[in-house]
């Protein structure tokens, strides 16, 4: 009898996690599609009110209002950005209202990595924090470091003087 109870608990946990991961995957796919379709309300409707978006540029660390302001002109032109998923890993704990993920994306910048946190709300899973990074092969790091040296130096000086 004890083994049966353990098995049932295990089965419930596995089912919960599979369903949660499926829901989260759907939200992320809808979010990327909304950007490709330039659907401003749909895109931002899949984010929490206190969401943070960190872009590929070191100066891009936006709260929801500032990210909306940055993004609106792109959406208004009828095409924001188009990211398609190459690979995604989703992690969630049973009975948790938070989940996290990482993904590799096919973008206009080549392969990028996205990672983030989602929160379970009364309206379903929503993106709370997202980080987008350009994936740079290790053999190109020295070249890229040289290319961005001046920008990095200027920004570091500015940040240190705050």
Protein backbone atom coordinates (compact mmCIF):
# COMPACT_ATOMS: atom_id res chain seq x y z
CA UNK A 1 0.00 0.00 0.00
CA UNK A 2 2.83 2.39 0.88
CA UNK A 3 4.44 1.76 -2.52
CA UNK A 4 1.15 2.55 -4.25
CA UNK A 5 0.87 5.90 -2.44
CA UNK A 6 4.46 6.77 -3.36
CA UNK A 7 3.81 5.80 -6.98
CA UNK A 8 0.62 7.91 -7.14
CA UNK A 9 2.43 10.94 -5.66
CA UNK A 10 5.26 10.49 -8.14
CA UNK A 11 2.83 10.19 -11.07
CA UNK A 12 0.96 13.33 -9.99
CA UNK A 13 4.24 15.26 -9.73
CA UNK A 14 5.40 14.13 -13.19
CA UNK A 15 2.02 14.98 -14.72
CA UNK A 16 2.00 18.41 -13.05
CA UNK A 17 5.50 19.20 -14.28
CA UNK A 18 4.73 18.05 -17.82
CA UNK A 19 1.56 20.17 -17.94
CA UNK A 20 3.35 23.19 -16.46
CA UNK A 21 6.19 22.92 -18.98
CA UNK A 22 3.68 22.62 -21.83
CA UNK A 23 1.83 25.75 -20.63
CA UNK A 24 5.09 27.70 -20.30
CA UNK A 25 6.31 26.59 -23.71
CA UNK A 26 3.01 27.77 -25.21
CA UNK A 27 3.33 31.18 -23.53
CA UNK A 28 6.88 31.63 -24.81
CA UNK A 29 5.91 30.60 -28.35
CA UNK A 30 2.92 32.99 -28.27
CA UNK A 31 5.19 35.78 -27.00
CA UNK A 32 7.72 35.33 -29.80
CA UNK A 33 4.91 35.06 -32.37
CA UNK A 34 3.28 38.27 -31.09
CA UNK A 35 6.56 40.12 -31.72
CA UNK A 36 6.87 38.66 -35.23
CA UNK A 37 3.24 39.65 -35.91
CA UNK A 38 3.81 43.12 -34.37
CA UNK A 39 0.94 42.52 -31.95
CA UNK A 40 1.87 45.01 -29.23
CA UNK A 41 -0.99 44.23 -26.84
CA UNK A 42 -0.57 40.47 -27.15
CA UNK A 43 3.18 40.68 -26.66
CA UNK A 44 3.07 42.87 -23.57
CA UNK A 45 -0.03 41.09 -22.26
CA UNK A 46 2.15 38.01 -21.75
CA UNK A 47 4.44 39.91 -19.35
CA UNK A 48 3.86 40.75 -15.69
CA UNK A 49 3.28 44.38 -14.70
CA UNK A 50 6.68 44.42 -12.98
CA UNK A 51 8.52 42.66 -15.83
CA UNK A 52 12.15 43.37 -16.67
CA UNK A 53 13.67 42.96 -20.13
CA UNK A 54 17.44 42.93 -20.52
CA UNK A 55 18.56 43.32 -24.12
CA UNK A 56 21.78 42.57 -25.94
CA UNK A 57 23.25 46.05 -25.42
CA UNK A 58 24.78 46.68 -21.98
CA UNK A 59 22.54 49.75 -21.61
CA UNK A 60 19.32 47.80 -22.19
CA UNK A 61 17.88 47.04 -18.76
CA UNK A 62 14.23 48.03 -18.96
CA UNK A 63 11.23 47.88 -16.69
CA UNK A 64 7.95 47.20 -18.49
CA UNK A 65 7.06 50.86 -19.16
CA UNK A 66 10.47 51.72 -20.61
CA UNK A 67 10.57 48.53 -22.68
CA UNK A 68 7.13 49.36 -24.09
CA UNK A 69 8.32 52.86 -24.98
CA UNK A 70 11.44 51.47 -26.69
CA UNK A 71 9.47 48.78 -28.54
CA UNK A 72 6.40 50.73 -29.65
CA UNK A 73 7.96 52.30 -32.79
CA UNK A 74 9.00 48.83 -34.00
CA UNK A 75 5.52 47.39 -33.43
CA UNK A 76 3.93 50.46 -35.05
CA UNK A 77 5.94 49.80 -38.23
CA UNK A 78 4.22 46.41 -38.49
CA UNK A 79 7.27 44.25 -37.70
CA UNK A 80 9.03 44.10 -34.40
CA UNK A 81 11.44 41.15 -34.37
CA UNK A 82 11.17 37.52 -35.33
CA UNK A 83 12.73 34.87 -33.12
CA UNK A 84 12.15 31.17 -33.67
CA UNK A 85 13.04 28.58 -31.09
CA UNK A 86 15.89 26.19 -31.80
CA UNK A 87 16.07 24.67 -28.31
CA UNK A 88 14.40 25.34 -24.97
CA UNK A 89 14.79 24.02 -21.43
CA UNK A 90 12.08 24.72 -18.86
CA UNK A 91 12.40 24.20 -15.13
CA UNK A 92 9.60 24.31 -12.58
CA UNK A 93 9.10 23.01 -9.09
CA UNK A 94 5.86 21.41 -8.01
CA UNK A 95 3.49 23.89 -6.34
CA UNK A 96 5.73 26.83 -7.24
CA UNK A 97 4.43 30.03 -8.81
CA UNK A 98 7.80 30.60 -10.47
CA UNK A 99 9.51 28.78 -13.31
CA UNK A 100 12.66 29.51 -15.30
CA UNK A 101 13.96 28.65 -18.73
CA UNK A 102 16.73 29.07 -21.25
CA UNK A 103 16.43 28.95 -25.01
CA UNK A 104 18.48 29.19 -28.17
CA UNK A 105 16.85 31.33 -30.83
CA UNK A 106 17.21 31.85 -34.56
CA UNK A 107 17.14 35.65 -34.96
CA UNK A 108 18.15 38.41 -37.37
CA UNK A 109 21.33 38.62 -35.21
CA UNK A 110 22.10 34.93 -35.74
CA UNK A 111 21.87 32.57 -32.79
CA UNK A 112 20.85 34.28 -29.56
CA UNK A 113 20.24 32.93 -26.09
CA UNK A 114 17.20 33.93 -24.11
CA UNK A 115 16.64 33.12 -20.48
CA UNK A 116 14.09 34.18 -17.98
CA UNK A 117 11.61 33.68 -15.22
CA UNK A 118 7.86 33.24 -15.48
CA UNK A 119 5.29 33.77 -12.74
CA UNK A 120 1.99 31.93 -12.41
CA UNK A 121 -0.71 34.61 -12.12
CA UNK A 122 -4.48 34.45 -11.94
CA UNK A 123 -4.39 34.86 -15.74
CA UNK A 124 -1.85 32.09 -16.31
CA UNK A 125 1.91 32.06 -16.75
CA UNK A 126 3.50 35.43 -17.58
CA UNK A 127 7.06 36.50 -18.29
CA UNK A 128 8.53 38.32 -15.30
CA UNK A 129 12.17 38.62 -16.33
CA UNK A 130 13.84 38.06 -19.70
CA UNK A 131 17.48 38.30 -20.78
CA UNK A 132 18.50 38.23 -24.45
CA UNK A 133 22.15 37.64 -25.34
CA UNK A 134 23.97 37.28 -28.62
CA UNK A 135 25.74 33.92 -28.64
CA UNK A 136 29.40 34.43 -29.56
CA UNK A 137 31.56 31.40 -30.38
CA UNK A 138 34.59 31.15 -28.08
CA UNK A 139 36.96 31.42 -31.03
CA UNK A 140 35.49 34.88 -31.84
CA UNK A 141 35.58 36.36 -28.33
CA UNK A 142 38.95 38.11 -28.77
CA UNK A 143 37.79 39.74 -32.02
CA UNK A 144 34.48 40.87 -30.47
CA UNK A 145 36.24 42.12 -27.32
CA UNK A 146 38.52 44.27 -29.48
CA UNK A 147 35.56 45.54 -31.51
CA UNK A 148 33.64 46.72 -28.43
CA UNK A 149 36.58 47.87 -26.31
CA UNK A 150 35.97 51.60 -26.73
CA UNK A 151 32.24 51.31 -26.00
CA UNK A 152 32.88 49.15 -22.93
CA UNK A 153 35.56 51.50 -21.60
CA UNK A 154 33.30 54.53 -21.94
CA UNK A 155 30.33 52.77 -20.31
CA UNK A 156 32.45 51.36 -17.46
CA UNK A 157 33.83 54.83 -16.73
CA UNK A 158 30.31 56.27 -16.70
CA UNK A 159 28.97 53.51 -14.43
CA UNK A 160 31.90 53.77 -12.01
CA UNK A 161 31.44 57.52 -11.66
CA UNK A 162 27.84 57.19 -10.48
